[in-house]
N, C-alpha and C. Protein backbone atom coordinates (compact mmCIF):
# COMPACT_ATOMS: atom_id res chain seq x y z
N MET A 1 -24.52 -45.65 -20.95
CA MET A 1 -23.40 -45.78 -21.80
C MET A 1 -22.18 -46.09 -20.90
N LYS A 2 -21.48 -47.12 -21.27
CA LYS A 2 -20.32 -47.56 -20.46
C LYS A 2 -19.04 -46.90 -20.99
N SER A 3 -18.27 -46.20 -20.21
CA SER A 3 -17.06 -45.59 -20.70
C SER A 3 -15.98 -46.60 -20.82
N MET A 4 -15.06 -46.26 -21.77
CA MET A 4 -13.87 -47.10 -21.93
C MET A 4 -12.87 -46.45 -20.96
N LEU A 5 -12.67 -47.09 -19.82
CA LEU A 5 -11.84 -46.56 -18.81
C LEU A 5 -10.59 -47.34 -18.63
N ASP A 6 -9.55 -46.71 -18.07
CA ASP A 6 -8.42 -47.45 -17.64
C ASP A 6 -8.46 -47.50 -16.12
N ILE A 7 -8.62 -48.75 -15.68
CA ILE A 7 -8.66 -48.94 -14.18
C ILE A 7 -7.31 -49.36 -13.69
N VAL A 8 -6.68 -48.66 -12.78
CA VAL A 8 -5.30 -48.95 -12.37
C VAL A 8 -5.24 -49.07 -10.88
N ARG A 9 -4.38 -49.87 -10.40
CA ARG A 9 -4.00 -50.02 -8.94
C ARG A 9 -3.16 -48.80 -8.63
N VAL A 10 -3.42 -48.12 -7.58
CA VAL A 10 -2.70 -46.90 -7.19
C VAL A 10 -1.32 -47.19 -6.74
N ASP A 11 -0.40 -46.48 -7.28
CA ASP A 11 0.97 -46.40 -6.75
C ASP A 11 1.09 -45.17 -5.96
N TYR A 12 1.07 -45.30 -4.63
CA TYR A 12 0.96 -44.14 -3.74
C TYR A 12 2.16 -43.23 -3.87
N ALA A 13 3.24 -43.75 -4.36
CA ALA A 13 4.50 -42.87 -4.54
C ALA A 13 4.53 -42.18 -5.95
N ASN A 14 3.57 -42.54 -6.77
CA ASN A 14 3.46 -41.89 -8.10
C ASN A 14 2.72 -40.57 -7.94
N PRO A 15 3.43 -39.45 -8.25
CA PRO A 15 2.77 -38.03 -7.99
C PRO A 15 1.44 -37.92 -8.67
N LEU A 16 1.23 -38.47 -9.89
CA LEU A 16 0.00 -38.39 -10.67
C LEU A 16 -1.04 -39.15 -9.88
N HIS A 17 -0.77 -40.35 -9.45
CA HIS A 17 -1.70 -41.13 -8.68
C HIS A 17 -2.09 -40.52 -7.35
N ALA A 18 -1.08 -39.96 -6.69
CA ALA A 18 -1.32 -39.29 -5.33
C ALA A 18 -2.19 -38.11 -5.51
N ARG A 19 -1.93 -37.25 -6.58
CA ARG A 19 -2.81 -36.10 -6.79
C ARG A 19 -4.22 -36.49 -7.13
N ALA A 20 -4.43 -37.53 -7.97
CA ALA A 20 -5.74 -38.02 -8.35
C ALA A 20 -6.47 -38.55 -7.12
N LEU A 21 -5.77 -39.34 -6.30
CA LEU A 21 -6.41 -39.92 -5.10
C LEU A 21 -6.89 -38.77 -4.17
N THR A 22 -6.05 -37.81 -3.87
CA THR A 22 -6.48 -36.77 -2.91
C THR A 22 -7.54 -35.87 -3.54
N ALA A 23 -7.41 -35.58 -4.83
CA ALA A 23 -8.40 -34.72 -5.43
C ALA A 23 -9.79 -35.39 -5.47
N LEU A 24 -9.83 -36.66 -5.83
CA LEU A 24 -11.09 -37.34 -5.80
C LEU A 24 -11.69 -37.51 -4.40
N LEU A 25 -10.83 -37.81 -3.43
CA LEU A 25 -11.29 -37.99 -2.06
C LEU A 25 -11.82 -36.72 -1.51
N ASP A 26 -11.15 -35.57 -1.82
CA ASP A 26 -11.64 -34.28 -1.39
C ASP A 26 -12.94 -33.91 -2.13
N HIS A 27 -13.01 -34.29 -3.39
CA HIS A 27 -14.32 -34.03 -4.14
C HIS A 27 -15.47 -34.82 -3.44
N TYR A 28 -15.23 -36.00 -3.00
CA TYR A 28 -16.17 -36.78 -2.27
C TYR A 28 -16.60 -36.17 -0.91
N ALA A 29 -15.51 -35.75 -0.21
CA ALA A 29 -15.71 -35.15 1.14
C ALA A 29 -16.62 -33.89 1.06
N ARG A 30 -16.43 -33.12 -0.02
CA ARG A 30 -17.20 -31.97 -0.23
C ARG A 30 -18.62 -32.11 -0.59
N ASP A 31 -18.90 -33.28 -1.12
CA ASP A 31 -20.28 -33.63 -1.53
C ASP A 31 -21.15 -33.89 -0.30
N PRO A 32 -22.41 -33.59 -0.26
CA PRO A 32 -23.21 -33.88 0.86
C PRO A 32 -23.20 -35.30 1.30
N ALA A 33 -23.01 -36.26 0.41
CA ALA A 33 -22.97 -37.69 0.73
C ALA A 33 -21.66 -37.95 1.49
N GLY A 34 -20.66 -37.13 1.34
CA GLY A 34 -19.41 -37.32 2.01
C GLY A 34 -19.19 -36.43 3.20
N GLY A 35 -20.18 -35.66 3.60
CA GLY A 35 -20.12 -34.79 4.76
C GLY A 35 -20.12 -33.36 4.46
N GLY A 36 -19.90 -33.01 3.24
CA GLY A 36 -20.07 -31.56 2.79
C GLY A 36 -18.91 -30.71 3.25
N GLN A 37 -17.82 -31.22 3.63
CA GLN A 37 -16.69 -30.42 4.12
C GLN A 37 -15.42 -30.81 3.36
N PRO A 38 -14.54 -29.88 2.98
CA PRO A 38 -13.27 -30.28 2.40
C PRO A 38 -12.40 -30.96 3.36
N LEU A 39 -11.49 -31.80 2.83
CA LEU A 39 -10.52 -32.49 3.74
C LEU A 39 -9.48 -31.42 4.17
N ALA A 40 -8.94 -31.66 5.43
CA ALA A 40 -7.97 -30.69 5.93
C ALA A 40 -6.69 -30.80 5.12
N PRO A 41 -6.00 -29.67 4.96
CA PRO A 41 -4.69 -29.66 4.22
C PRO A 41 -3.72 -30.74 4.63
N GLU A 42 -3.71 -31.09 5.93
CA GLU A 42 -2.69 -32.07 6.43
C GLU A 42 -3.10 -33.47 6.01
N VAL A 43 -4.43 -33.64 5.86
CA VAL A 43 -4.92 -34.97 5.36
C VAL A 43 -4.57 -35.09 3.89
N LEU A 44 -4.81 -34.11 3.08
CA LEU A 44 -4.49 -34.09 1.69
C LEU A 44 -2.99 -34.34 1.49
N ALA A 45 -2.11 -33.62 2.33
CA ALA A 45 -0.68 -33.77 2.20
C ALA A 45 -0.20 -35.11 2.65
N GLY A 46 -0.77 -35.77 3.57
CA GLY A 46 -0.25 -36.96 4.24
C GLY A 46 -0.84 -38.21 3.75
N LEU A 47 -2.00 -38.19 3.23
CA LEU A 47 -2.72 -39.43 2.88
C LEU A 47 -1.94 -40.42 1.99
N PRO A 48 -1.40 -40.08 0.90
CA PRO A 48 -0.74 -41.05 0.06
C PRO A 48 0.39 -41.82 0.82
N ALA A 49 1.19 -41.10 1.54
CA ALA A 49 2.24 -41.74 2.31
C ALA A 49 1.69 -42.57 3.48
N ALA A 50 0.62 -42.12 4.12
CA ALA A 50 0.01 -42.89 5.19
C ALA A 50 -0.59 -44.25 4.66
N LEU A 51 -1.14 -44.10 3.47
CA LEU A 51 -1.70 -45.37 2.88
C LEU A 51 -0.59 -46.36 2.38
N ALA A 52 0.47 -45.71 1.82
CA ALA A 52 1.59 -46.56 1.38
C ALA A 52 2.31 -47.24 2.59
N ALA A 53 2.22 -46.67 3.79
CA ALA A 53 2.86 -47.27 4.95
C ALA A 53 2.05 -48.43 5.51
N ARG A 54 0.85 -48.66 4.94
CA ARG A 54 -0.03 -49.80 5.40
C ARG A 54 -0.21 -50.83 4.31
N PRO A 55 0.48 -51.97 4.49
CA PRO A 55 0.45 -53.05 3.40
C PRO A 55 -0.95 -53.56 3.28
N GLN A 56 -1.85 -53.36 4.22
CA GLN A 56 -3.17 -53.88 4.13
C GLN A 56 -4.09 -52.89 3.33
N ALA A 57 -3.57 -51.73 2.92
CA ALA A 57 -4.38 -50.79 2.15
C ALA A 57 -4.03 -50.91 0.65
N PHE A 58 -5.05 -50.68 -0.15
CA PHE A 58 -4.81 -50.58 -1.62
C PHE A 58 -6.00 -49.74 -2.18
N SER A 59 -5.67 -49.16 -3.34
CA SER A 59 -6.74 -48.25 -3.95
C SER A 59 -6.66 -48.51 -5.47
N VAL A 60 -7.81 -48.21 -6.10
CA VAL A 60 -7.85 -48.23 -7.55
C VAL A 60 -8.40 -46.94 -8.08
N LEU A 61 -7.91 -46.50 -9.21
CA LEU A 61 -8.38 -45.27 -9.87
C LEU A 61 -8.93 -45.66 -11.18
N ALA A 62 -9.92 -44.88 -11.68
CA ALA A 62 -10.51 -44.99 -13.02
C ALA A 62 -10.13 -43.64 -13.75
N PHE A 63 -9.44 -43.87 -14.89
CA PHE A 63 -9.06 -42.79 -15.72
C PHE A 63 -9.90 -42.87 -17.01
N ASP A 64 -10.44 -41.72 -17.43
CA ASP A 64 -11.08 -41.53 -18.71
C ASP A 64 -10.13 -40.58 -19.50
N GLY A 65 -9.21 -41.20 -20.29
CA GLY A 65 -8.13 -40.46 -20.88
C GLY A 65 -7.23 -40.02 -19.79
N GLU A 66 -7.01 -38.71 -19.73
CA GLU A 66 -6.04 -38.14 -18.76
C GLU A 66 -6.75 -37.83 -17.43
N GLN A 67 -8.12 -37.79 -17.43
CA GLN A 67 -8.86 -37.36 -16.25
C GLN A 67 -9.15 -38.58 -15.36
N ALA A 68 -8.74 -38.43 -14.07
CA ALA A 68 -9.20 -39.36 -13.02
C ALA A 68 -10.64 -39.09 -12.74
N VAL A 69 -11.51 -40.16 -12.83
CA VAL A 69 -12.91 -39.90 -12.68
C VAL A 69 -13.46 -40.80 -11.57
N GLY A 70 -12.72 -41.80 -11.03
CA GLY A 70 -13.17 -42.64 -9.96
C GLY A 70 -12.09 -43.12 -9.09
N LEU A 71 -12.45 -43.47 -7.84
CA LEU A 71 -11.50 -43.92 -6.85
C LEU A 71 -12.21 -44.86 -5.93
N ILE A 72 -11.48 -45.94 -5.57
CA ILE A 72 -11.88 -46.78 -4.48
C ILE A 72 -10.74 -47.04 -3.59
N ASN A 73 -10.91 -46.75 -2.26
CA ASN A 73 -9.85 -47.07 -1.29
C ASN A 73 -10.30 -48.29 -0.53
N CYS A 74 -9.43 -49.19 -0.26
CA CYS A 74 -9.73 -50.42 0.41
C CYS A 74 -8.75 -50.72 1.59
N ILE A 75 -9.24 -51.33 2.55
CA ILE A 75 -8.42 -51.79 3.69
C ILE A 75 -8.71 -53.28 3.96
N GLU A 76 -7.61 -54.09 4.09
CA GLU A 76 -7.77 -55.41 4.34
C GLU A 76 -7.97 -55.61 5.86
N GLY A 77 -8.97 -56.39 6.15
CA GLY A 77 -9.23 -56.80 7.56
C GLY A 77 -9.07 -58.32 7.70
N PHE A 78 -9.74 -58.86 8.76
CA PHE A 78 -9.62 -60.28 8.98
C PHE A 78 -10.89 -60.83 9.48
N SER A 79 -11.38 -61.88 8.88
CA SER A 79 -12.57 -62.53 9.41
C SER A 79 -12.19 -63.73 10.35
N THR A 80 -12.53 -63.54 11.52
CA THR A 80 -12.19 -64.57 12.53
C THR A 80 -13.01 -65.79 12.27
N PHE A 81 -14.28 -65.68 11.80
CA PHE A 81 -15.07 -66.84 11.60
C PHE A 81 -14.62 -67.69 10.41
N ALA A 82 -13.94 -66.97 9.45
CA ALA A 82 -13.49 -67.74 8.30
C ALA A 82 -11.99 -68.00 8.37
N CYS A 83 -11.28 -67.30 9.30
CA CYS A 83 -9.82 -67.37 9.40
C CYS A 83 -9.15 -66.96 8.11
N LYS A 84 -9.69 -65.96 7.47
CA LYS A 84 -9.17 -65.49 6.21
C LYS A 84 -9.29 -63.99 6.24
N PRO A 85 -8.49 -63.31 5.33
CA PRO A 85 -8.63 -61.88 5.14
C PRO A 85 -9.99 -61.52 4.51
N LEU A 86 -10.46 -60.32 4.82
CA LEU A 86 -11.58 -59.69 4.09
C LEU A 86 -11.10 -58.36 3.63
N VAL A 87 -11.84 -57.84 2.64
CA VAL A 87 -11.40 -56.48 2.10
C VAL A 87 -12.60 -55.55 2.30
N ASN A 88 -12.35 -54.43 3.11
CA ASN A 88 -13.44 -53.47 3.20
C ASN A 88 -13.19 -52.37 2.15
N VAL A 89 -14.25 -52.22 1.44
CA VAL A 89 -14.33 -51.13 0.44
C VAL A 89 -14.66 -49.79 1.22
N HIS A 90 -13.67 -48.97 1.47
CA HIS A 90 -13.78 -47.87 2.35
C HIS A 90 -14.40 -46.66 1.75
N ASP A 91 -13.90 -46.23 0.55
CA ASP A 91 -14.34 -45.05 -0.13
C ASP A 91 -14.67 -45.40 -1.54
N VAL A 92 -15.80 -45.00 -2.03
CA VAL A 92 -16.12 -45.10 -3.49
C VAL A 92 -16.46 -43.75 -4.00
N VAL A 93 -15.75 -43.28 -4.92
CA VAL A 93 -15.86 -41.92 -5.46
C VAL A 93 -16.00 -42.04 -7.02
N VAL A 94 -17.04 -41.40 -7.59
CA VAL A 94 -17.22 -41.30 -8.98
C VAL A 94 -17.57 -39.79 -9.28
N ARG A 95 -16.82 -39.20 -10.15
CA ARG A 95 -17.15 -37.79 -10.47
C ARG A 95 -18.58 -37.72 -11.03
N ALA A 96 -19.29 -36.64 -10.80
CA ALA A 96 -20.61 -36.51 -11.25
C ALA A 96 -20.74 -36.61 -12.73
N SER A 97 -19.71 -36.15 -13.51
CA SER A 97 -19.74 -36.24 -14.93
C SER A 97 -19.72 -37.65 -15.40
N HIS A 98 -19.40 -38.64 -14.56
CA HIS A 98 -19.26 -40.01 -15.06
C HIS A 98 -20.24 -41.03 -14.34
N ARG A 99 -21.13 -40.42 -13.45
CA ARG A 99 -22.10 -41.28 -12.74
C ARG A 99 -23.10 -41.82 -13.77
N GLY A 100 -23.60 -43.03 -13.53
CA GLY A 100 -24.46 -43.68 -14.38
C GLY A 100 -23.84 -44.38 -15.53
N GLN A 101 -22.49 -44.42 -15.56
CA GLN A 101 -21.81 -45.08 -16.64
C GLN A 101 -21.06 -46.36 -16.25
N ARG A 102 -21.40 -46.84 -15.01
CA ARG A 102 -20.88 -48.10 -14.48
C ARG A 102 -19.36 -47.99 -14.17
N VAL A 103 -18.94 -46.85 -13.79
CA VAL A 103 -17.53 -46.64 -13.40
C VAL A 103 -17.28 -47.48 -12.11
N ALA A 104 -18.16 -47.35 -11.11
CA ALA A 104 -18.00 -48.16 -9.90
C ALA A 104 -17.97 -49.59 -10.17
N GLN A 105 -18.74 -50.09 -11.11
CA GLN A 105 -18.77 -51.48 -11.50
C GLN A 105 -17.36 -51.96 -11.97
N GLN A 106 -16.79 -51.16 -12.78
CA GLN A 106 -15.48 -51.53 -13.28
C GLN A 106 -14.42 -51.46 -12.24
N MET A 107 -14.48 -50.48 -11.36
CA MET A 107 -13.50 -50.37 -10.19
C MET A 107 -13.73 -51.55 -9.28
N LEU A 108 -14.96 -51.87 -8.99
CA LEU A 108 -15.26 -53.00 -8.07
C LEU A 108 -14.72 -54.31 -8.56
N ALA A 109 -14.80 -54.47 -9.92
CA ALA A 109 -14.21 -55.76 -10.52
C ALA A 109 -12.73 -55.83 -10.22
N ALA A 110 -12.04 -54.66 -10.28
CA ALA A 110 -10.60 -54.69 -10.00
C ALA A 110 -10.31 -54.93 -8.50
N VAL A 111 -11.17 -54.32 -7.65
CA VAL A 111 -11.08 -54.56 -6.23
C VAL A 111 -11.32 -56.07 -5.92
N GLU A 112 -12.30 -56.65 -6.51
CA GLU A 112 -12.68 -58.03 -6.28
C GLU A 112 -11.50 -58.94 -6.73
N ALA A 113 -10.89 -58.63 -7.89
CA ALA A 113 -9.78 -59.40 -8.31
C ALA A 113 -8.56 -59.37 -7.34
N GLU A 114 -8.29 -58.15 -6.81
CA GLU A 114 -7.24 -57.99 -5.75
C GLU A 114 -7.64 -58.74 -4.54
N ALA A 115 -8.84 -58.71 -4.10
CA ALA A 115 -9.29 -59.35 -2.85
C ALA A 115 -9.13 -60.90 -3.07
N ARG A 116 -9.47 -61.45 -4.22
CA ARG A 116 -9.29 -62.87 -4.52
C ARG A 116 -7.79 -63.23 -4.54
N ARG A 117 -6.93 -62.33 -5.06
CA ARG A 117 -5.56 -62.53 -5.11
C ARG A 117 -5.00 -62.66 -3.66
N ARG A 118 -5.55 -61.89 -2.72
CA ARG A 118 -5.14 -61.90 -1.33
C ARG A 118 -5.78 -63.03 -0.57
N GLY A 119 -6.66 -63.84 -1.15
CA GLY A 119 -7.27 -64.88 -0.51
C GLY A 119 -8.40 -64.51 0.40
N ALA A 120 -9.08 -63.35 0.12
CA ALA A 120 -10.05 -62.84 0.97
C ALA A 120 -11.33 -63.66 0.84
N CYS A 121 -12.10 -63.78 1.89
CA CYS A 121 -13.36 -64.52 1.94
C CYS A 121 -14.57 -63.64 1.55
N LYS A 122 -14.40 -62.31 1.61
CA LYS A 122 -15.50 -61.44 1.32
C LYS A 122 -15.10 -60.02 1.17
N LEU A 123 -15.94 -59.23 0.51
CA LEU A 123 -15.80 -57.79 0.47
C LEU A 123 -16.88 -57.26 1.37
N THR A 124 -16.54 -56.16 2.08
CA THR A 124 -17.56 -55.44 2.91
C THR A 124 -17.54 -53.97 2.50
N LEU A 125 -18.60 -53.30 2.81
CA LEU A 125 -18.65 -51.86 2.62
C LEU A 125 -19.77 -51.27 3.48
N GLU A 126 -19.72 -49.94 3.58
CA GLU A 126 -20.76 -49.21 4.27
C GLU A 126 -21.35 -48.21 3.25
N VAL A 127 -22.62 -47.94 3.39
CA VAL A 127 -23.29 -47.02 2.54
C VAL A 127 -24.39 -46.31 3.28
N LEU A 128 -24.62 -45.08 3.06
CA LEU A 128 -25.65 -44.30 3.72
C LEU A 128 -27.02 -44.82 3.24
N SER A 129 -27.99 -44.99 4.09
CA SER A 129 -29.22 -45.70 3.78
C SER A 129 -30.06 -44.85 2.75
N ALA A 130 -29.83 -43.56 2.64
CA ALA A 130 -30.55 -42.77 1.69
C ALA A 130 -29.91 -42.62 0.32
N ASN A 131 -28.67 -43.24 0.14
CA ASN A 131 -27.94 -43.17 -1.10
C ASN A 131 -28.43 -44.25 -2.05
N ALA A 132 -29.71 -44.01 -2.55
CA ALA A 132 -30.34 -45.01 -3.43
C ALA A 132 -29.57 -45.45 -4.58
N SER A 133 -28.92 -44.53 -5.23
CA SER A 133 -28.13 -44.95 -6.53
C SER A 133 -26.95 -45.89 -6.12
N ALA A 134 -26.31 -45.57 -5.06
CA ALA A 134 -25.20 -46.39 -4.57
C ALA A 134 -25.73 -47.79 -4.12
N LEU A 135 -26.81 -47.80 -3.36
CA LEU A 135 -27.41 -49.04 -3.00
C LEU A 135 -27.81 -49.94 -4.18
N ARG A 136 -28.37 -49.33 -5.21
CA ARG A 136 -28.64 -50.11 -6.40
C ARG A 136 -27.38 -50.62 -7.09
N ALA A 137 -26.36 -49.75 -7.17
CA ALA A 137 -25.15 -50.21 -7.82
C ALA A 137 -24.42 -51.34 -7.07
N TYR A 138 -24.47 -51.27 -5.71
CA TYR A 138 -23.84 -52.35 -4.91
C TYR A 138 -24.66 -53.64 -5.03
N ALA A 139 -25.98 -53.50 -5.02
CA ALA A 139 -26.80 -54.72 -5.10
C ALA A 139 -26.60 -55.38 -6.48
N ARG A 140 -26.44 -54.59 -7.54
CA ARG A 140 -26.16 -55.14 -8.96
C ARG A 140 -24.83 -55.98 -8.85
N GLU A 141 -23.89 -55.54 -7.95
CA GLU A 141 -22.65 -56.17 -7.89
C GLU A 141 -22.58 -57.40 -6.94
N GLY A 142 -23.68 -57.69 -6.32
CA GLY A 142 -23.85 -58.79 -5.47
C GLY A 142 -23.72 -58.50 -3.97
N PHE A 143 -23.61 -57.27 -3.58
CA PHE A 143 -23.64 -56.88 -2.14
C PHE A 143 -25.01 -57.00 -1.56
N ALA A 144 -25.11 -57.34 -0.31
CA ALA A 144 -26.39 -57.45 0.38
C ALA A 144 -26.20 -57.15 1.86
N ASP A 145 -27.31 -56.88 2.54
CA ASP A 145 -27.19 -56.65 3.96
C ASP A 145 -26.61 -57.81 4.61
N TYR A 146 -25.85 -57.63 5.76
CA TYR A 146 -25.25 -58.70 6.47
C TYR A 146 -26.06 -59.12 7.63
N GLY A 147 -26.26 -60.45 7.75
CA GLY A 147 -26.94 -61.03 8.87
C GLY A 147 -26.54 -62.44 9.07
N LEU A 148 -26.74 -63.01 10.23
CA LEU A 148 -26.39 -64.37 10.54
C LEU A 148 -27.72 -65.17 10.71
N ASP A 149 -28.50 -64.72 11.63
CA ASP A 149 -29.76 -65.39 11.96
C ASP A 149 -30.80 -64.32 11.76
N PRO A 150 -31.85 -64.49 10.97
CA PRO A 150 -32.94 -63.52 10.71
C PRO A 150 -33.50 -62.95 11.95
N ALA A 151 -33.56 -63.79 13.08
CA ALA A 151 -34.18 -63.33 14.33
C ALA A 151 -33.35 -62.18 14.94
N PHE A 152 -32.08 -62.02 14.56
CA PHE A 152 -31.20 -61.01 15.07
C PHE A 152 -31.07 -59.81 14.16
N GLY A 153 -31.73 -59.85 13.01
CA GLY A 153 -31.73 -58.71 12.05
C GLY A 153 -30.45 -58.61 11.27
N THR A 154 -30.24 -57.48 10.70
CA THR A 154 -29.06 -57.21 9.94
C THR A 154 -28.09 -56.31 10.63
N ALA A 155 -26.85 -56.32 10.23
CA ALA A 155 -25.78 -55.57 10.94
C ALA A 155 -25.96 -54.07 10.70
N ARG A 156 -25.58 -53.33 11.67
CA ARG A 156 -25.54 -51.85 11.60
C ARG A 156 -24.11 -51.42 11.69
N PHE A 157 -23.77 -50.37 10.96
CA PHE A 157 -22.47 -49.84 11.07
C PHE A 157 -22.49 -48.71 12.11
N MET A 158 -21.64 -48.76 13.07
CA MET A 158 -21.68 -47.71 14.16
C MET A 158 -20.23 -47.17 14.26
N GLN A 159 -20.12 -46.03 14.93
CA GLN A 159 -18.79 -45.47 15.09
C GLN A 159 -18.74 -44.71 16.48
N LYS A 160 -17.54 -44.58 17.01
CA LYS A 160 -17.29 -43.78 18.20
C LYS A 160 -15.95 -43.02 17.83
N LYS A 161 -16.12 -41.76 17.70
CA LYS A 161 -14.99 -40.91 17.37
C LYS A 161 -13.99 -40.79 18.50
N LEU A 162 -12.71 -40.79 18.23
CA LEU A 162 -11.67 -40.71 19.28
C LEU A 162 -10.87 -39.41 19.10
């Protein structure tokens, strides 16, 4: 069943949007798929302003009535091979109460529209390999493993904490 949602671009200076953003991101962080730990108080307090200070960042929220039920945070990067911007879908959060209702699909459509408006050549994202429901949702929306030459395989996401 597809919910009738209001998908909005986040205004980081709007207290309602800022609270929804931090509450949903903390909800995600506490989930095992998000690491299972709450966000630090200083992250919760500073995140909306930190995102607002970065013109390459944008977020969308999904509201079901008054309740914020979904969030996507995005960061614009740059493709040197295409000489165009790209948009990395950094966080995707859907409350458990609304999973399976294509909330992510509706938010991703808004993200894609913004990426096209910015002249982006592609959307990128990372997903844990065991998150089968997310993998299915992203595949439905046209996402696929990244590779250039099959002999070199597909890309892996790696990190080095500083």
